[in-house]
Protein backbone atom coordinates (compact mmCIF):
# COMPACT_ATOMS: atom_id res chain seq x y z
CA THR A 1 0.00 0.00 0.00
CA THR A 2 1.05 3.60 -0.41
CA THR A 3 1.12 4.39 3.32
CA ASP A 4 3.52 1.49 3.91
CA ASN A 5 5.74 2.71 1.09
CA ALA A 6 5.71 6.25 2.47
CA ALA A 7 6.49 4.99 5.96
CA GLN A 8 9.54 3.17 4.64
CA LEU A 9 10.94 6.43 3.24
CA ILE A 10 11.08 8.00 6.71
CA PHE A 11 14.35 7.19 8.48
CA ALA A 12 14.24 8.14 12.17
CA PRO A 13 17.86 9.44 12.46
CA ASN A 14 17.23 11.81 9.54
CA VAL A 15 14.08 13.14 11.19
CA LEU A 16 16.07 13.80 14.38
CA HIS A 17 18.76 15.53 12.32
CA ASN A 18 16.14 17.86 10.82
CA GLN A 19 14.97 18.72 14.34
CA ALA A 20 18.56 19.65 15.20
CA LEU A 21 18.72 21.80 12.06
CA THR A 22 15.62 23.67 13.18
CA SER A 23 17.18 24.24 16.60
CA VAL A 24 20.42 25.56 15.09
CA LYS A 25 18.51 28.02 12.92
CA PHE A 26 16.38 29.13 15.89
CA LEU A 27 19.40 29.77 18.10
CA SER A 28 21.23 31.54 15.29
CA PHE A 29 18.37 33.97 14.75
CA CYS A 30 17.97 34.53 18.49
CA PHE A 31 21.64 35.46 18.70
CA ALA A 32 21.39 37.70 15.61
CA GLY A 33 18.36 39.46 17.10
CA ALA A 34 20.23 40.06 20.35
CA VAL A 35 23.22 41.45 18.45
CA ALA A 36 20.97 43.76 16.41
CA GLY A 37 19.33 45.02 19.59
CA ILE A 38 22.54 45.52 21.55
CA LEU A 39 24.14 47.37 18.64
CA GLY A 40 21.02 49.55 18.41
CA LEU A 41 20.45 48.77 14.74
CA GLU A 42 17.30 50.23 13.28
CA ASN A 43 15.24 49.64 10.15
CA TRP A 44 17.12 48.18 7.21
CA LEU A 45 20.39 47.69 9.08
CA GLY A 46 18.69 45.24 11.45
CA PHE A 47 17.15 43.31 8.59
CA ALA A 48 20.50 43.35 6.78
CA LEU A 49 21.95 41.61 9.82
CA PHE A 50 19.08 39.12 9.63
CA ILE A 51 19.88 38.39 5.97
CA ALA A 52 23.57 38.08 6.83
CA SER A 53 22.74 35.58 9.57
CA ILE A 54 20.60 33.56 7.13
CA VAL A 55 23.44 33.45 4.60
CA SER A 56 26.16 32.64 7.13
CA THR A 57 24.15 29.96 8.96
CA SER A 58 23.06 28.37 5.69
CA PHE A 59 26.61 28.38 4.34
CA ILE A 60 28.02 26.75 7.47
CA ILE A 61 25.35 24.04 7.44
CA TYR A 62 25.83 23.62 3.67
CA ALA A 63 29.60 23.25 3.94
CA ILE A 64 29.93 21.26 7.16
CA ASN A 65 26.77 19.25 7.77
CA CYS A 66 25.55 18.70 4.20
CA ARG A 67 29.03 18.40 2.68
CA GLY A 68 27.93 20.49 -0.30
CA LYS A 69 24.95 18.26 -1.15
CA PRO A 70 21.85 19.60 0.66
CA ALA A 71 19.44 17.66 -1.58
CA LYS A 72 20.87 14.44 -0.16
CA TYR A 73 20.07 15.41 3.42
CA LEU A 74 17.06 17.76 3.18
CA PRO A 75 13.79 17.11 1.34
CA GLY A 76 13.70 20.67 -0.06
CA GLY A 77 17.40 20.83 -0.90
CA LEU A 78 19.04 24.24 -0.92
CA GLY A 79 15.68 26.03 -0.71
CA GLU A 80 14.92 24.33 2.58
CA LEU A 81 18.35 25.22 3.89
CA VAL A 82 18.09 28.93 3.06
CA ASN A 83 14.43 29.33 4.08
CA PRO A 84 14.41 31.05 7.49
CA GLY A 85 10.84 30.06 8.32
CA GLN A 86 8.12 32.33 9.63
CA ASP A 87 8.75 31.41 13.28
CA ASN A 88 12.41 32.36 13.05
CA ILE A 89 11.61 35.75 11.51
CA PHE A 90 9.27 36.53 14.41
CA THR A 91 11.84 35.23 16.90
CA PHE A 92 14.49 37.54 15.43
CA ILE A 93 12.19 40.56 15.69
CA LEU A 94 11.12 39.67 19.23
CA VAL A 95 14.68 39.27 20.52
CA TRP A 96 15.75 42.37 18.58
CA THR A 97 13.14 44.48 20.36
CA LEU A 98 13.87 42.92 23.77
CA PHE A 99 17.58 43.74 23.52
CA TYR A 100 17.18 47.10 21.81
CA VAL A 101 19.19 49.79 23.64
CA TYR A 102 17.60 53.22 23.67
CA ASP A 103 19.90 56.21 23.38
């Protein structure tokens, strides 16, 4: 049956690895939000730091964890690796505002 075939495609260690990937992205964007707030970045400079954190985190995961072949490890390939996710965008903004230093 198709459900049995689909169940065979799911390998538990890979699912756990994807959970770790989500955690790494979450922590990276929390840290970037804190840095943006502490530095007092406003408007586009803060979002430029967000974009820089997306690129740097994705590159590190691409080079080290995926060994240059994200399609082998992630169902969405490079798109899944670079996609920050809606939750992480909101997390960045929340931490940015919590750490923002007023002059």
